[in-house]
């Protein structure tokens, strides 16, 4: 499994409740561009409309070698999920404060997959707590490195 891109901002802004793997419907030049790592998940989200899961605001840069066959970079892309999974996610996302966001895009058996998550938005005090925990972990790892060098 090769990770192509991660949505680092999602872990800071949201509390992850549940993760799920989905396929993504891409055109030929988009697959080549995604495999070369030209994908940006910042500000992207998943919306369920008419029984289909759609990935919005995901930016896949145009593939430089496919001049006239390139697609629009920020077009809406269909996620490939079972109907039962879509119905369950639609029900859970209607709950108060829950949303669907993409966490990462990766290759699995040479297929492009998207890891989506059911997430709850963090409040400002939760974000400050995350920053404190991150700083503490960094300080502990720094002190361990200094002890090992001695």
Protein backbone atom coordinates (compact mmCIF):
# COMPACT_ATOMS: atom_id res chain seq x y z
CA UNK A 1 0.00 0.00 0.00
CA UNK A 2 1.52 3.32 -1.11
CA UNK A 3 0.07 6.52 0.33
CA UNK A 4 -0.25 9.20 -2.34
CA UNK A 5 -1.53 12.04 -0.14
CA UNK A 6 -2.87 12.66 3.35
CA UNK A 7 -5.25 15.29 4.67
CA UNK A 8 -3.23 16.43 7.71
CA UNK A 9 -5.60 19.29 8.41
CA UNK A 10 -8.45 16.80 8.95
CA UNK A 11 -6.80 15.30 12.03
CA UNK A 12 -6.36 18.77 13.52
CA UNK A 13 -9.83 20.11 12.73
CA UNK A 14 -11.89 16.94 13.29
CA UNK A 15 -12.27 14.11 15.77
CA UNK A 16 -12.37 10.89 13.71
CA UNK A 17 -15.29 8.64 14.69
CA UNK A 18 -15.15 5.95 11.98
CA UNK A 19 -12.98 5.18 8.94
CA UNK A 20 -13.98 3.53 5.67
CA UNK A 21 -12.26 2.60 2.40
CA UNK A 22 -13.83 3.58 -0.93
CA UNK A 23 -12.87 3.38 -4.56
CA UNK A 24 -12.84 6.50 -6.69
CA UNK A 25 -13.94 6.94 -10.28
CA UNK A 26 -11.10 8.63 -12.21
CA UNK A 27 -10.32 9.23 -15.87
CA UNK A 28 -7.06 7.93 -17.40
CA UNK A 29 -4.96 11.05 -17.12
CA UNK A 30 -6.20 11.62 -13.55
CA UNK A 31 -4.97 8.17 -12.53
CA UNK A 32 -1.48 8.93 -13.87
CA UNK A 33 -1.45 12.29 -12.14
CA UNK A 34 -2.65 10.74 -8.85
CA UNK A 35 -0.01 8.01 -9.04
CA UNK A 36 2.65 10.69 -9.40
CA UNK A 37 1.34 12.34 -6.21
CA UNK A 38 -0.30 15.43 -7.73
CA UNK A 39 -3.35 15.30 -5.40
CA UNK A 40 -4.51 17.83 -2.81
CA UNK A 41 -7.23 16.97 -0.27
CA UNK A 42 -7.24 20.30 1.53
CA UNK A 43 -10.81 21.64 2.00
CA UNK A 44 -12.32 18.58 0.28
CA UNK A 45 -15.36 16.76 1.62
CA UNK A 46 -17.78 13.95 0.78
CA UNK A 47 -21.45 14.61 0.05
CA UNK A 48 -24.17 12.02 -0.40
CA UNK A 49 -26.64 13.01 -3.11
CA UNK A 50 -29.28 10.86 -4.85
CA UNK A 51 -27.87 7.63 -3.38
CA UNK A 52 -24.32 8.36 -4.57
CA UNK A 53 -21.26 9.40 -2.60
CA UNK A 54 -19.45 12.32 -4.25
CA UNK A 55 -16.01 13.72 -3.52
CA UNK A 56 -15.98 17.51 -3.86
CA UNK A 57 -13.11 20.06 -3.94
CA UNK A 58 -10.42 17.39 -4.37
CA UNK A 59 -7.75 18.90 -6.63
CA UNK A 60 -5.94 16.51 -8.98
CA UNK A 61 -3.46 18.47 -11.08
CA UNK A 62 -3.57 17.95 -14.86
CA UNK A 63 -1.13 15.35 -16.16
CA UNK A 64 1.51 17.19 -18.18
CA UNK A 65 1.91 14.49 -20.85
CA UNK A 66 -1.83 14.23 -21.64
CA UNK A 67 -2.35 17.64 -23.21
CA UNK A 68 -5.89 17.49 -24.67
CA UNK A 69 -7.23 14.61 -22.55
CA UNK A 70 -6.89 16.35 -19.21
CA UNK A 71 -9.92 16.77 -16.97
CA UNK A 72 -10.90 19.75 -14.85
CA UNK A 73 -8.68 19.66 -11.72
CA UNK A 74 -11.37 20.25 -9.07
CA UNK A 75 -14.29 18.38 -10.65
CA UNK A 76 -16.75 16.30 -8.62
CA UNK A 77 -15.73 12.64 -8.52
CA UNK A 78 -17.90 9.65 -7.69
CA UNK A 79 -16.90 7.37 -4.80
CA UNK A 80 -17.49 3.66 -5.25
CA UNK A 81 -19.35 2.23 -2.25
CA UNK A 82 -22.12 -0.35 -1.71
CA UNK A 83 -25.67 0.97 -1.41
CA UNK A 84 -25.91 -0.25 2.20
CA UNK A 85 -22.72 1.59 3.13
CA UNK A 86 -23.97 4.78 1.48
CA UNK A 87 -27.32 4.55 3.27
CA UNK A 88 -25.60 3.96 6.64
CA UNK A 89 -23.21 6.87 6.10
CA UNK A 90 -26.08 9.13 5.01
CA UNK A 91 -27.96 8.32 8.20
CA UNK A 92 -24.95 8.90 10.42
CA UNK A 93 -23.90 12.11 8.65
CA UNK A 94 -27.33 13.61 9.33
CA UNK A 95 -26.63 13.34 13.05
CA UNK A 96 -25.69 16.57 14.77
CA UNK A 97 -22.13 17.63 14.08
CA UNK A 98 -21.01 14.66 11.95
CA UNK A 99 -19.54 15.08 8.48
CA UNK A 100 -17.76 12.95 5.88
CA UNK A 101 -14.19 13.90 4.98
CA UNK A 102 -11.44 12.22 2.96
CA UNK A 103 -8.38 11.37 5.06
CA UNK A 104 -6.01 9.93 2.49
CA UNK A 105 -5.64 8.68 -1.07
CA UNK A 106 -3.48 5.62 -1.62
CA UNK A 107 -2.71 2.77 -4.02
CA UNK A 108 -3.91 -0.72 -3.12
CA UNK A 109 -3.18 -3.50 -5.62
CA UNK A 110 -2.49 -0.79 -8.21
CA UNK A 111 -5.98 0.76 -7.69
CA UNK A 112 -6.54 4.28 -6.37
CA UNK A 113 -8.49 4.17 -3.11
CA UNK A 114 -9.79 6.91 -0.80
CA UNK A 115 -10.00 6.55 2.97
CA UNK A 116 -13.01 8.53 4.16
CA UNK A 117 -13.98 9.21 7.74
CA UNK A 118 -17.08 10.07 9.67
CA UNK A 119 -15.86 12.96 11.79
CA UNK A 120 -17.02 15.49 14.34
CA UNK A 121 -15.65 19.03 14.26
CA UNK A 122 -13.38 20.05 17.14
CA UNK A 123 -13.95 23.13 19.24
CA UNK A 124 -11.16 25.68 19.77
CA UNK A 125 -10.27 24.31 23.20
CA UNK A 126 -9.90 20.81 21.73
CA UNK A 127 -7.50 22.20 19.12
CA UNK A 128 -5.43 23.91 21.83
CA UNK A 129 -5.30 20.61 23.71
CA UNK A 130 -4.07 18.85 20.55
CA UNK A 131 -1.32 21.45 20.14
CA UNK A 132 -0.23 21.01 23.76
CA UNK A 133 -0.12 17.22 23.40
CA UNK A 134 1.87 17.51 20.17
CA UNK A 135 4.39 19.91 21.77
CA UNK A 136 4.75 17.60 24.78
CA UNK A 137 5.41 14.58 22.54
CA UNK A 138 7.97 16.57 20.57
CA UNK A 139 9.73 17.64 23.78
CA UNK A 140 9.82 14.05 25.10
CA UNK A 141 11.25 12.70 21.83
CA UNK A 142 13.82 15.50 21.81
CA UNK A 143 14.93 14.64 25.35
CA UNK A 144 15.24 10.94 24.44
CA UNK A 145 17.39 11.81 21.43
CA UNK A 146 19.65 13.96 23.61
CA UNK A 147 20.06 11.13 26.18
CA UNK A 148 20.92 8.62 23.44
CA UNK A 149 23.65 10.90 22.03
CA UNK A 150 25.36 11.11 25.46
